[in-house]
Amino acid sequence: MLLGLNYDSRDPKYNLLGKIFKIIDSKKFKDTCNRKGITNRQMMVDSIKILFISRYFDYTISNVVNELNRSAKLRKFAGFSKEIPTAEQIYEYMSRYSAKQYCKIVNSTLMRLNK
């Protein structure tokens, strides 16, 4: 059984994840998504945040979605003001794009941050 994702602002893991989320929420990242052919930018941002939490804490996407629905503190930290997409919506949305497109988006974002 997995322990819950209990957000703590003093936890170094959450601090690092918060810095990553600031980059993902930035206008530069969203502009990069536009240039790379991403149609629904907000769904891309939400999906990537959930994927980062999933990989970072070694949870499944459905467990992360459940934790986000359970914890208002975690939702606020991750920047979800409205509804959380379901695991099925995330899988379906992410399957629309190739791994190559994701790599281009990440590389473009990193190149803009550290030239």
PDB file of N, CA and C in Angstrom:
ATOM      1  N   MET A   1       0.839  -1.183   0.000  1.00  0.00           N
ATOM      2  CA  MET A   1       0.000   0.000   0.000  1.00  0.00           C
ATOM      3  C   MET A   1       0.889   1.253   0.000  1.00  0.00           C
ATOM      4  N   LEU A   2       0.548   2.196  -0.837  1.00  0.00           N
ATOM      5  CA  LEU A   2       1.310   3.437  -0.932  1.00  0.00           C
ATOM      6  C   LEU A   2       0.863   4.429   0.131  1.00  0.00           C
ATOM      7  N   LEU A   3       1.800   5.168   0.658  1.00  0.00           N
ATOM      8  CA  LEU A   3       1.470   6.268   1.549  1.00  0.00           C
ATOM      9  C   LEU A   3       0.944   7.419   0.719  1.00  0.00           C
ATOM     10  N   GLY A   4       0.157   8.272   1.328  1.00  0.00           N
ATOM     11  CA  GLY A   4      -0.389   9.416   0.616  1.00  0.00           C
ATOM     12  C   GLY A   4       0.683  10.449   0.296  1.00  0.00           C
ATOM     13  N   LEU A   5       0.421  11.249  -0.696  1.00  0.00           N
ATOM     14  CA  LEU A   5       1.318  12.351  -1.045  1.00  0.00           C
ATOM     15  C   LEU A   5       0.962  13.531  -0.144  1.00  0.00           C
ATOM     16  N   ASN A   6       1.655  13.662   0.960  1.00  0.00           N
ATOM     17  CA  ASN A   6       1.383  14.737   1.906  1.00  0.00           C
ATOM     18  C   ASN A   6       2.316  15.896   1.626  1.00  0.00           C
ATOM     19  N   TYR A   7       1.761  16.972   1.115  1.00  0.00           N
ATOM     20  CA  TYR A   7       2.559  18.138   0.759  1.00  0.00           C
ATOM     21  C   TYR A   7       3.115  18.803   2.012  1.00  0.00           C
ATOM     22  N   ASP A   8       4.412  19.099   1.975  1.00  0.00           N
ATOM     23  CA  ASP A   8       5.084  19.833   3.035  1.00  0.00           C
ATOM     24  C   ASP A   8       6.019  20.829   2.365  1.00  0.00           C
ATOM     25  N   SER A   9       5.801  22.109   2.615  1.00  0.00           N
ATOM     26  CA  SER A   9       6.588  23.148   1.939  1.00  0.00           C
ATOM     27  C   SER A   9       8.069  23.102   2.317  1.00  0.00           C
ATOM     28  N   ARG A  10       8.422  22.431   3.406  1.00  0.00           N
ATOM     29  CA  ARG A  10       9.822  22.339   3.821  1.00  0.00           C
ATOM     30  C   ARG A  10      10.537  21.138   3.210  1.00  0.00           C
ATOM     31  N   ASP A  11       9.804  20.266   2.574  1.00  0.00           N
ATOM     32  CA  ASP A  11      10.387  19.062   1.978  1.00  0.00           C
ATOM     33  C   ASP A  11      11.172  19.446   0.718  1.00  0.00           C
ATOM     34  N   PRO A  12      12.462  19.082   0.630  1.00  0.00           N
ATOM     35  CA  PRO A  12      13.271  19.452  -0.542  1.00  0.00           C
ATOM     36  C   PRO A  12      12.727  18.883  -1.855  1.00  0.00           C
ATOM     37  N   LYS A  13      12.080  17.725  -1.784  1.00  0.00           N
ATOM     38  CA  LYS A  13      11.498  17.146  -3.004  1.00  0.00           C
ATOM     39  C   LYS A  13      10.407  18.063  -3.564  1.00  0.00           C
ATOM     40  N   TYR A  14       9.558  18.550  -2.689  1.00  0.00           N
ATOM     41  CA  TYR A  14       8.487  19.440  -3.128  1.00  0.00           C
ATOM     42  C   TYR A  14       9.032  20.790  -3.576  1.00  0.00           C
ATOM     43  N   ASN A  15      10.109  21.249  -2.949  1.00  0.00           N
ATOM     44  CA  ASN A  15      10.721  22.514  -3.374  1.00  0.00           C
ATOM     45  C   ASN A  15      11.238  22.415  -4.807  1.00  0.00           C
ATOM     46  N   LEU A  16      11.932  21.328  -5.109  1.00  0.00           N
ATOM     47  CA  LEU A  16      12.440  21.126  -6.468  1.00  0.00           C
ATOM     48  C   LEU A  16      11.293  20.975  -7.456  1.00  0.00           C
ATOM     49  N   LEU A  17      10.286  20.206  -7.091  1.00  0.00           N
ATOM     50  CA  LEU A  17       9.135  20.029  -7.962  1.00  0.00           C
ATOM     51  C   LEU A  17       8.411  21.354  -8.197  1.00  0.00           C
ATOM     52  N   GLY A  18       8.369  22.206  -7.183  1.00  0.00           N
ATOM     53  CA  GLY A  18       7.764  23.533  -7.335  1.00  0.00           C
ATOM     54  C   GLY A  18       8.500  24.383  -8.355  1.00  0.00           C
ATOM     55  N   LYS A  19       9.828  24.291  -8.374  1.00  0.00           N
ATOM     56  CA  LYS A  19      10.616  25.029  -9.366  1.00  0.00           C
ATOM     57  C   LYS A  19      10.335  24.517 -10.777  1.00  0.00           C
ATOM     58  N   ILE A  20      10.191  23.212 -10.902  1.00  0.00           N
ATOM     59  CA  ILE A  20       9.873  22.627 -12.209  1.00  0.00           C
ATOM     60  C   ILE A  20       8.483  23.089 -12.666  1.00  0.00           C
ATOM     61  N   PHE A  21       7.524  23.126 -11.723  1.00  0.00           N
ATOM     62  CA  PHE A  21       6.173  23.549 -12.071  1.00  0.00           C
ATOM     63  C   PHE A  21       6.128  25.016 -12.499  1.00  0.00           C
ATOM     64  N   LYS A  22       6.993  25.852 -11.918  1.00  0.00           N
ATOM     65  CA  LYS A  22       7.046  27.257 -12.346  1.00  0.00           C
ATOM     66  C   LYS A  22       7.482  27.360 -13.801  1.00  0.00           C
ATOM     67  N   ILE A  23       8.415  26.516 -14.196  1.00  0.00           N
ATOM     68  CA  ILE A  23       8.860  26.499 -15.591  1.00  0.00           C
ATOM     69  C   ILE A  23       7.727  26.014 -16.489  1.00  0.00           C
ATOM     70  N   ILE A  24       7.045  24.968 -16.072  1.00  0.00           N
ATOM     71  CA  ILE A  24       5.952  24.408 -16.878  1.00  0.00           C
ATOM     72  C   ILE A  24       4.798  25.404 -17.003  1.00  0.00           C
ATOM     73  N   ASP A  25       4.560  26.205 -15.965  1.00  0.00           N
ATOM     74  CA  ASP A  25       3.480  27.194 -16.001  1.00  0.00           C
ATOM     75  C   ASP A  25       3.858  28.470 -16.742  1.00  0.00           C
ATOM     76  N   SER A  26       5.120  28.617 -17.111  1.00  0.00           N
ATOM     77  CA  SER A  26       5.576  29.868 -17.711  1.00  0.00           C
ATOM     78  C   SER A  26       5.022  30.071 -19.127  1.00  0.00           C
ATOM     79  N   LYS A  27       4.956  31.322 -19.505  1.00  0.00           N
ATOM     80  CA  LYS A  27       4.500  31.665 -20.851  1.00  0.00           C
ATOM     81  C   LYS A  27       5.456  31.103 -21.901  1.00  0.00           C
ATOM     82  N   LYS A  28       6.744  31.078 -21.595  1.00  0.00           N
ATOM     83  CA  LYS A  28       7.729  30.535 -22.532  1.00  0.00           C
ATOM     84  C   LYS A  28       7.445  29.075 -22.855  1.00  0.00           C
ATOM     85  N   PHE A  29       7.108  28.299 -21.820  1.00  0.00           N
ATOM     86  CA  PHE A  29       6.801  26.888 -22.045  1.00  0.00           C
ATOM     87  C   PHE A  29       5.552  26.741 -22.909  1.00  0.00           C
ATOM     88  N   LYS A  30       4.543  27.536 -22.613  1.00  0.00           N
ATOM     89  CA  LYS A  30       3.296  27.460 -23.380  1.00  0.00           C
ATOM     90  C   LYS A  30       3.513  27.911 -24.826  1.00  0.00           C
ATOM     91  N   ASP A  31       4.359  28.908 -25.024  1.00  0.00           N
ATOM     92  CA  ASP A  31       4.697  29.341 -26.385  1.00  0.00           C
ATOM     93  C   ASP A  31       5.443  28.233 -27.133  1.00  0.00           C
ATOM     94  N   THR A  32       6.325  27.537 -26.443  1.00  0.00           N
ATOM     95  CA  THR A  32       7.040  26.413 -27.047  1.00  0.00           C
ATOM     96  C   THR A  32       6.055  25.334 -27.471  1.00  0.00           C
ATOM     97  N   CYS A  33       5.071  25.065 -26.629  1.00  0.00           N
ATOM     98  CA  CYS A  33       4.038  24.079 -26.981  1.00  0.00           C
ATOM     99  C   CYS A  33       3.305  24.500 -28.252  1.00  0.00           C
ATOM    100  N   ASN A  34       2.979  25.787 -28.361  1.00  0.00           N
ATOM    101  CA  ASN A  34       2.299  26.285 -29.567  1.00  0.00           C
ATOM    102  C   ASN A  34       3.150  26.061 -30.805  1.00  0.00           C
ATOM    103  N   ARG A  35       4.441  26.396 -30.704  1.00  0.00           N
ATOM    104  CA  ARG A  35       5.327  26.253 -31.856  1.00  0.00           C
ATOM    105  C   ARG A  35       5.515  24.799 -32.268  1.00  0.00           C
ATOM    106  N   LYS A  36       5.390  23.888 -31.321  1.00  0.00           N
ATOM    107  CA  LYS A  36       5.584  22.463 -31.614  1.00  0.00           C
ATOM    108  C   LYS A  36       4.286  21.755 -31.992  1.00  0.00           C
ATOM    109  N   GLY A  37       3.210  22.515 -32.173  1.00  0.00           N
ATOM    110  CA  GLY A  37       1.966  21.939 -32.677  1.00  0.00           C
ATOM    111  C   GLY A  37       1.015  21.389 -31.633  1.00  0.00           C
ATOM    112  N   ILE A  38       1.166  21.794 -30.381  1.00  0.00           N
ATOM    113  CA  ILE A  38       0.268  21.337 -29.322  1.00  0.00           C
ATOM    114  C   ILE A  38      -0.980  22.214 -29.357  1.00  0.00           C
ATOM    115  N   THR A  39      -2.139  21.577 -29.442  1.00  0.00           N
ATOM    116  CA  THR A  39      -3.375  22.339 -29.595  1.00  0.00           C
ATOM    117  C   THR A  39      -3.979  22.780 -28.266  1.00  0.00           C
ATOM    118  N   ASN A  40      -4.082  21.899 -27.295  1.00  0.00           N
ATOM    119  CA  ASN A  40      -4.675  22.237 -26.002  1.00  0.00           C
ATOM    120  C   ASN A  40      -3.552  22.402 -24.985  1.00  0.00           C
ATOM    121  N   ARG A  41      -3.072  23.635 -24.855  1.00  0.00           N
ATOM    122  CA  ARG A  41      -1.908  23.891 -23.999  1.00  0.00           C
ATOM    123  C   ARG A  41      -2.170  23.574 -22.536  1.00  0.00           C
ATOM    124  N   GLN A  42      -3.342  23.942 -22.033  1.00  0.00           N
ATOM    125  CA  GLN A  42      -3.612  23.726 -20.615  1.00  0.00           C
ATOM    126  C   GLN A  42      -3.665  22.238 -20.275  1.00  0.00           C
ATOM    127  N   MET A  43      -4.231  21.443 -21.171  1.00  0.00           N
ATOM    128  CA  MET A  43      -4.253  19.998 -20.931  1.00  0.00           C
ATOM    129  C   MET A  43      -2.829  19.436 -20.950  1.00  0.00           C
ATOM    130  N   MET A  44      -1.972  19.980 -21.818  1.00  0.00           N
ATOM    131  CA  MET A  44      -0.575  19.543 -21.863  1.00  0.00           C
ATOM    132  C   MET A  44       0.121  19.886 -20.548  1.00  0.00           C
ATOM    133  N   VAL A  45      -0.082  21.090 -20.054  1.00  0.00           N
ATOM    134  CA  VAL A  45       0.533  21.514 -18.799  1.00  0.00           C
ATOM    135  C   VAL A  45       0.048  20.631 -17.651  1.00  0.00           C
ATOM    136  N   ASP A  46      -1.258  20.411 -17.567  1.00  0.00           N
ATOM    137  CA  ASP A  46      -1.815  19.576 -16.502  1.00  0.00           C
ATOM    138  C   ASP A  46      -1.285  18.151 -16.588  1.00  0.00           C
ATOM    139  N   SER A  47      -1.239  17.606 -17.784  1.00  0.00           N
ATOM    140  CA  SER A  47      -0.768  16.234 -17.967  1.00  0.00           C
ATOM    141  C   SER A  47       0.702  16.095 -17.581  1.00  0.00           C
ATOM    142  N   ILE A  48       1.512  17.040 -17.996  1.00  0.00           N
ATOM    143  CA  ILE A  48       2.934  16.972 -17.673  1.00  0.00           C
ATOM    144  C   ILE A  48       3.157  17.107 -16.175  1.00  0.00           C
ATOM    145  N   LYS A  49       2.395  17.962 -15.508  1.00  0.00           N
ATOM    146  CA  LYS A  49       2.526  18.081 -14.053  1.00  0.00           C
ATOM    147  C   LYS A  49       2.197  16.756 -13.376  1.00  0.00           C
ATOM    148  N   ILE A  50       1.113  16.133 -13.798  1.00  0.00           N
ATOM    149  CA  ILE A  50       0.721  14.852 -13.199  1.00  0.00           C
ATOM    150  C   ILE A  50       1.762  13.784 -13.507  1.00  0.00           C
ATOM    151  N   LEU A  51       2.303  13.797 -14.722  1.00  0.00           N
ATOM    152  CA  LEU A  51       3.353  12.834 -15.062  1.00  0.00           C
ATOM    153  C   LEU A  51       4.605  13.054 -14.225  1.00  0.00           C
ATOM    154  N   PHE A  52       4.977  14.306 -13.993  1.00  0.00           N
ATOM    155  CA  PHE A  52       6.146  14.593 -13.163  1.00  0.00           C
ATOM    156  C   PHE A  52       5.929  14.098 -11.735  1.00  0.00           C
ATOM    157  N   ILE A  53       4.761  14.358 -11.165  1.00  0.00           N
ATOM    158  CA  ILE A  53       4.478  13.880  -9.808  1.00  0.00           C
ATOM    159  C   ILE A  53       4.536  12.356  -9.782  1.00  0.00           C
ATOM    160  N   SER A  54       3.962  11.750 -10.798  1.00  0.00           N
ATOM    161  CA  SER A  54       3.924  10.290 -10.893  1.00  0.00           C
ATOM    162  C   SER A  54       5.330   9.687 -10.905  1.00  0.00           C
ATOM    163  N   ARG A  55       6.186  10.217 -11.754  1.00  0.00           N
ATOM    164  CA  ARG A  55       7.552   9.682 -11.855  1.00  0.00           C
ATOM    165  C   ARG A  55       8.398  10.067 -10.646  1.00  0.00           C
ATOM    166  N   TYR A  56       8.200  11.256 -10.144  1.00  0.00           N
ATOM    167  CA  TYR A  56       9.020  11.767  -9.051  1.00  0.00           C
ATOM    168  C   TYR A  56       8.808  10.979  -7.761  1.00  0.00           C
ATOM    169  N   PHE A  57       7.547  10.599  -7.499  1.00  0.00           N
ATOM    170  CA  PHE A  57       7.232   9.887  -6.268  1.00  0.00           C
ATOM    171  C   PHE A  57       6.932   8.405  -6.504  1.00  0.00           C
ATOM    172  N   ASP A  58       7.116   7.942  -7.728  1.00  0.00           N
ATOM    173  CA  ASP A  58       6.920   6.533  -8.093  1.00  0.00           C
ATOM    174  C   ASP A  58       5.493   6.062  -7.801  1.00  0.00           C
ATOM    175  N   TYR A  59       4.543   6.846  -8.272  1.00  0.00           N
ATOM    176  CA  TYR A  59       3.125   6.528  -8.176  1.00  0.00           C
ATOM    177  C   TYR A  59       2.591   6.294  -9.582  1.00  0.00           C
ATOM    178  N   THR A  60       1.464   5.595  -9.673  1.00  0.00           N
ATOM    179  CA  THR A  60       0.794   5.492 -10.963  1.00  0.00           C
ATOM    180  C   THR A  60       0.022   6.792 -11.198  1.00  0.00           C
ATOM    181  N   ILE A  61      -0.309   7.036 -12.437  1.00  0.00           N
ATOM    182  CA  ILE A  61      -1.046   8.255 -12.773  1.00  0.00           C
ATOM    183  C   ILE A  61      -2.402   8.271 -12.065  1.00  0.00           C
ATOM    184  N   SER A  62      -3.076   7.133 -12.020  1.00  0.00           N
ATOM    185  CA  SER A  62      -4.385   7.089 -11.361  1.00  0.00           C
ATOM    186  C   SER A  62      -4.260   7.378  -9.861  1.00  0.00           C
ATOM    187  N   ASN A  63      -3.170   6.917  -9.219  1.00  0.00           N
ATOM    188  CA  ASN A  63      -2.963   7.233  -7.804  1.00  0.00           C
ATOM    189  C   ASN A  63      -2.694   8.715  -7.595  1.00  0.00           C
ATOM    190  N   VAL A  64      -1.946   9.331  -8.504  1.00  0.00           N
ATOM    191  CA  VAL A  64      -1.680  10.770  -8.397  1.00  0.00           C
ATOM    192  C   VAL A  64      -2.984  11.554  -8.548  1.00  0.00           C
ATOM    193  N   VAL A  65      -3.815  11.160  -9.509  1.00  0.00           N
ATOM    194  CA  VAL A  65      -5.104  11.836  -9.710  1.00  0.00           C
ATOM    195  C   VAL A  65      -5.952  11.701  -8.446  1.00  0.00           C
ATOM    196  N   ASN A  66      -5.975  10.515  -7.855  1.00  0.00           N
ATOM    197  CA  ASN A  66      -6.740  10.314  -6.611  1.00  0.00           C
ATOM    198  C   ASN A  66      -6.210  11.193  -5.484  1.00  0.00           C
ATOM    199  N   GLU A  67      -4.898  11.274  -5.362  1.00  0.00           N
ATOM    200  CA  GLU A  67      -4.294  12.111  -4.321  1.00  0.00           C
ATOM    201  C   GLU A  67      -4.592  13.591  -4.556  1.00  0.00           C
ATOM    202  N   LEU A  68      -4.562  14.028  -5.798  1.00  0.00           N
ATOM    203  CA  LEU A  68      -4.880  15.421  -6.107  1.00  0.00           C
ATOM    204  C   LEU A  68      -6.341  15.729  -5.775  1.00  0.00           C
ATOM    205  N   ASN A  69      -7.228  14.792  -6.051  1.00  0.00           N
ATOM    206  CA  ASN A  69      -8.642  14.989  -5.715  1.00  0.00           C
ATOM    207  C   ASN A  69      -8.860  14.974  -4.208  1.00  0.00           C
ATOM    208  N   ARG A  70      -8.028  14.260  -3.477  1.00  0.00           N
ATOM    209  CA  ARG A  70      -8.160  14.127  -2.029  1.00  0.00           C
ATOM    210  C   ARG A  70      -7.606  15.333  -1.271  1.00  0.00           C
ATOM    211  N   SER A  71      -6.493  15.889  -1.736  1.00  0.00           N
ATOM    212  CA  SER A  71      -5.758  16.891  -0.968  1.00  0.00           C
ATOM    213  C   SER A  71      -5.811  18.275  -1.609  1.00  0.00           C
ATOM    214  N   ALA A  72      -6.438  19.200  -0.917  1.00  0.00           N
ATOM    215  CA  ALA A  72      -6.519  20.579  -1.410  1.00  0.00           C
ATOM    216  C   ALA A  72      -5.141  21.249  -1.404  1.00  0.00           C
ATOM    217  N   LYS A  73      -4.295  20.923  -0.404  1.00  0.00           N
ATOM    218  CA  LYS A  73      -2.951  21.498  -0.339  1.00  0.00           C
ATOM    219  C   LYS A  73      -2.114  21.071  -1.542  1.00  0.00           C
ATOM    220  N   LEU A  74      -2.218  19.801  -1.909  1.00  0.00           N
ATOM    221  CA  LEU A  74      -1.465  19.291  -3.053  1.00  0.00           C
ATOM    222  C   LEU A  74      -1.970  19.913  -4.353  1.00  0.00           C
ATOM    223  N   ARG A  75      -3.287  20.065  -4.472  1.00  0.00           N
ATOM    224  CA  ARG A  75      -3.870  20.719  -5.660  1.00  0.00           C
ATOM    225  C   ARG A  75      -3.369  22.149  -5.785  1.00  0.00           C
ATOM    226  N   LYS A  76      -3.360  22.871  -4.679  1.00  0.00           N
ATOM    227  CA  LYS A  76      -2.899  24.266  -4.696  1.00  0.00           C
ATOM    228  C   LYS A  76      -1.420  24.329  -5.069  1.00  0.00           C
ATOM    229  N   PHE A  77      -0.611  23.445  -4.486  1.00  0.00           N
ATOM    230  CA  PHE A  77       0.819  23.401  -4.799  1.00  0.00           C
ATOM    231  C   PHE A  77       1.046  23.152  -6.287  1.00  0.00           C
ATOM    232  N   ALA A  78       0.300  22.210  -6.867  1.00  0.00           N
ATOM    233  CA  ALA A  78       0.486  21.860  -8.273  1.00  0.00           C
ATOM    234  C   ALA A  78      -0.167  22.868  -9.212  1.00  0.00           C
ATOM    235  N   GLY A  79      -0.960  23.785  -8.683  1.00  0.00           N
ATOM    236  CA  GLY A  79      -1.547  24.831  -9.511  1.00  0.00           C
ATOM    237  C   GLY A  79      -2.819  24.413 -10.226  1.00  0.00           C
ATOM    238  N   PHE A  80      -3.550  23.484  -9.660  1.00  0.00           N
ATOM    239  CA  PHE A  80      -4.818  23.073 -10.245  1.00  0.00           C
ATOM    240  C   PHE A  80      -5.928  23.853  -9.568  1.00  0.00           C
ATOM    241  N   SER A  81      -6.510  24.805 -10.289  1.00  0.00           N
ATOM    242  CA  SER A  81      -7.577  25.605  -9.699  1.00  0.00           C
ATOM    243  C   SER A  81      -8.952  25.032 -10.039  1.00  0.00           C
ATOM    244  N   LYS A  82      -9.023  24.339 -11.144  1.00  0.00           N
ATOM    245  CA  LYS A  82     -10.307  23.767 -11.554  1.00  0.00           C
ATOM    246  C   LYS A  82     -10.251  22.264 -11.373  1.00  0.00           C
ATOM    247  N   GLU A  83     -10.942  21.541 -12.204  1.00  0.00           N
ATOM    248  CA  GLU A  83     -11.008  20.093 -12.050  1.00  0.00           C
ATOM    249  C   GLU A  83      -9.726  19.409 -12.517  1.00  0.00           C
ATOM    250  N   ILE A  84      -9.471  18.277 -11.920  1.00  0.00           N
ATOM    251  CA  ILE A  84      -8.307  17.456 -12.249  1.00  0.00           C
ATOM    252  C   ILE A  84      -8.716  16.510 -13.376  1.00  0.00           C
ATOM    253  N   PRO A  85      -7.917  16.415 -14.448  1.00  0.00           N
ATOM    254  CA  PRO A  85      -8.263  15.448 -15.496  1.00  0.00           C
ATOM    255  C   PRO A  85      -8.164  14.021 -14.956  1.00  0.00           C
ATOM    256  N   THR A  86      -8.975  13.134 -15.495  1.00  0.00           N
ATOM    257  CA  THR A  86      -8.925  11.736 -15.076  1.00  0.00           C
ATOM    258  C   THR A  86      -7.698  11.071 -15.692  1.00  0.00           C
ATOM    259  N   ALA A  87      -7.338   9.922 -15.154  1.00  0.00           N
ATOM    260  CA  ALA A  87      -6.196   9.174 -15.698  1.00  0.00           C
ATOM    261  C   ALA A  87      -6.454   8.806 -17.157  1.00  0.00           C
ATOM    262  N   GLU A  88      -7.678   8.449 -17.479  1.00  0.00           N
ATOM    263  CA  GLU A  88      -8.018   8.092 -18.861  1.00  0.00           C
ATOM    264  C   GLU A  88      -7.847   9.277 -19.801  1.00  0.00           C
ATOM    265  N   GLN A  89      -8.254  10.463 -19.347  1.00  0.00           N
ATOM    266  CA  GLN A  89      -8.083  11.666 -20.168  1.00  0.00           C
ATOM    267  C   GLN A  89      -6.603  11.955 -20.407  1.00  0.00           C
ATOM    268  N   ILE A  90      -5.794  11.769 -19.392  1.00  0.00           N
ATOM    269  CA  ILE A  90      -4.357  12.017 -19.526  1.00  0.00           C
ATOM    270  C   ILE A  90      -3.733  11.039 -20.506  1.00  0.00           C
ATOM    271  N   TYR A  91      -4.043   9.748 -20.342  1.00  0.00           N
ATOM    272  CA  TYR A  91      -3.494   8.735 -21.252  1.00  0.00           C
ATOM    273  C   TYR A  91      -3.916   9.008 -22.693  1.00  0.00           C
ATOM    274  N   GLU A  92      -5.183   9.344 -22.866  1.00  0.00           N
ATOM    275  CA  GLU A  92      -5.692   9.599 -24.221  1.00  0.00           C
ATOM    276  C   GLU A  92      -5.018  10.831 -24.828  1.00  0.00           C
ATOM    277  N   TYR A  93      -4.883  11.888 -24.034  1.00  0.00           N
ATOM    278  CA  TYR A  93      -4.280  13.115 -24.546  1.00  0.00           C
ATOM    279  C   TYR A  93      -2.806  12.907 -24.885  1.00  0.00           C
ATOM    280  N   MET A  94      -2.077  12.267 -24.002  1.00  0.00           N
ATOM    281  CA  MET A  94      -0.646  12.071 -24.220  1.00  0.00           C
ATOM    282  C   MET A  94      -0.375  11.137 -25.401  1.00  0.00           C
ATOM    283  N   SER A  95      -1.302  10.251 -25.690  1.00  0.00           N
ATOM    284  CA  SER A  95      -1.102   9.330 -26.817  1.00  0.00           C
ATOM    285  C   SER A  95      -1.250  10.028 -28.170  1.00  0.00           C
ATOM    286  N   ARG A  96      -1.766  11.229 -28.183  1.00  0.00           N
ATOM    287  CA  ARG A  96      -1.925  11.981 -29.438  1.00  0.00           C
ATOM    288  C   ARG A  96      -0.589  12.427 -30.023  1.00  0.00           C
ATOM    289  N   TYR A  97       0.408  12.557 -29.173  1.00  0.00           N
ATOM    290  CA  TYR A  97       1.689  13.111 -29.595  1.00  0.00           C
ATOM    291  C   TYR A  97       2.785  12.059 -29.468  1.00  0.00           C
ATOM    292  N   SER A  98       3.797  12.210 -30.298  1.00  0.00           N
ATOM    293  CA  SER A  98       4.898  11.249 -30.289  1.00  0.00           C
ATOM    294  C   SER A  98       5.933  11.620 -29.225  1.00  0.00           C
ATOM    295  N   ALA A  99       6.765  10.666 -28.886  1.00  0.00           N
ATOM    296  CA  ALA A  99       7.846  10.913 -27.932  1.00  0.00           C
ATOM    297  C   ALA A  99       8.795  11.972 -28.479  1.00  0.00           C
ATOM    298  N   LYS A 100       8.940  12.005 -29.789  1.00  0.00           N
ATOM    299  CA  LYS A 100       9.819  12.989 -30.426  1.00  0.00           C
ATOM    300  C   LYS A 100       9.312  14.416 -30.162  1.00  0.00           C
ATOM    301  N   GLN A 101       7.987  14.609 -30.210  1.00  0.00           N
ATOM    302  CA  GLN A 101       7.426  15.930 -29.938  1.00  0.00           C
ATOM    303  C   GLN A 101       7.689  16.343 -28.488  1.00  0.00           C
ATOM    304  N   TYR A 102       7.539  15.399 -27.549  1.00  0.00           N
ATOM    305  CA  TYR A 102       7.806  15.718 -26.152  1.00  0.00           C
ATOM    306  C   TYR A 102       9.267  16.100 -25.956  1.00  0.00           C
ATOM    307  N   CYS A 103      10.161  15.372 -26.590  1.00  0.00           N
ATOM    308  CA  CYS A 103      11.590  15.686 -26.483  1.00  0.00           C
ATOM    309  C   CYS A 103      11.892  17.067 -27.046  1.00  0.00           C
ATOM    310  N   LYS A 104      11.275  17.414 -28.161  1.00  0.00           N
ATOM    311  CA  LYS A 104      11.492  18.741 -28.751  1.00  0.00           C
ATOM    312  C   LYS A 104      11.001  19.841 -27.822  1.00  0.00           C
ATOM    313  N   ILE A 105       9.857  19.624 -27.191  1.00  0.00           N
ATOM    314  CA  ILE A 105       9.320  20.627 -26.270  1.00  0.00           C
ATOM    315  C   ILE A 105      10.265  20.804 -25.083  1.00  0.00           C
ATOM    316  N   VAL A 106      10.704  19.713 -24.496  1.00  0.00           N
ATOM    317  CA  VAL A 106      11.592  19.788 -23.336  1.00  0.00           C
ATOM    318  C   VAL A 106      12.924  20.412 -23.731  1.00  0.00           C
ATOM    319  N   ASN A 107      13.502  19.973 -24.854  1.00  0.00           N
ATOM    320  CA  ASN A 107      14.782  20.534 -25.289  1.00  0.00           C
ATOM    321  C   ASN A 107      14.673  22.021 -25.598  1.00  0.00           C
ATOM    322  N   SER A 108      13.603  22.425 -26.249  1.00  0.00           N
ATOM    323  CA  SER A 108      13.407  23.847 -26.553  1.00  0.00           C
ATOM    324  C   SER A 108      13.283  24.663 -25.271  1.00  0.00           C
ATOM    325  N   THR A 109      12.564  24.135 -24.306  1.00  0.00           N
ATOM    326  CA  THR A 109      12.398  24.835 -23.032  1.00  0.00           C
ATOM    327  C   THR A 109      13.726  24.951 -22.306  1.00  0.00           C
ATOM    328  N   LEU A 110      14.479  23.868 -22.262  1.00  0.00           N
ATOM    329  CA  LEU A 110      15.781  23.898 -21.589  1.00  0.00           C
ATOM    330  C   LEU A 110      16.753  24.843 -22.291  1.00  0.00           C
ATOM    331  N   MET A 111      16.730  24.866 -23.605  1.00  0.00           N
ATOM    332  CA  MET A 111      17.627  25.750 -24.356  1.00  0.00           C
ATOM    333  C   MET A 111      17.293  27.218 -24.094  1.00  0.00           C
ATOM    334  N   ARG A 112      16.014  27.526 -23.894  1.00  0.00           N
ATOM    335  CA  ARG A 112      15.632  28.905 -23.601  1.00  0.00           C
ATOM    336  C   ARG A 112      16.053  29.311 -22.194  1.00  0.00           C
ATOM    337  N   LEU A 113      16.104  28.346 -21.279  1.00  0.00           N
ATOM    338  CA  LEU A 113      16.487  28.649 -19.903  1.00  0.00           C
ATOM    339  C   LEU A 113      17.999  28.735 -19.742  1.00  0.00           C
ATOM    340  N   ASN A 114      18.720  27.816 -20.365  1.00  0.00           N
ATOM    341  CA  ASN A 114      20.185  27.754 -20.261  1.00  0.00           C
ATOM    342  C   ASN A 114      20.780  27.695 -21.654  1.00  0.00           C
ATOM    343  N   LYS A 115      21.175  28.826 -22.163  1.00  0.00           N
ATOM    344  CA  LYS A 115      21.695  28.865 -23.521  1.00  0.00           C
ATOM    345  C   LYS A 115      23.135  28.407 -23.548  1.00  0.00           C
TER     346      LYS A 115
END
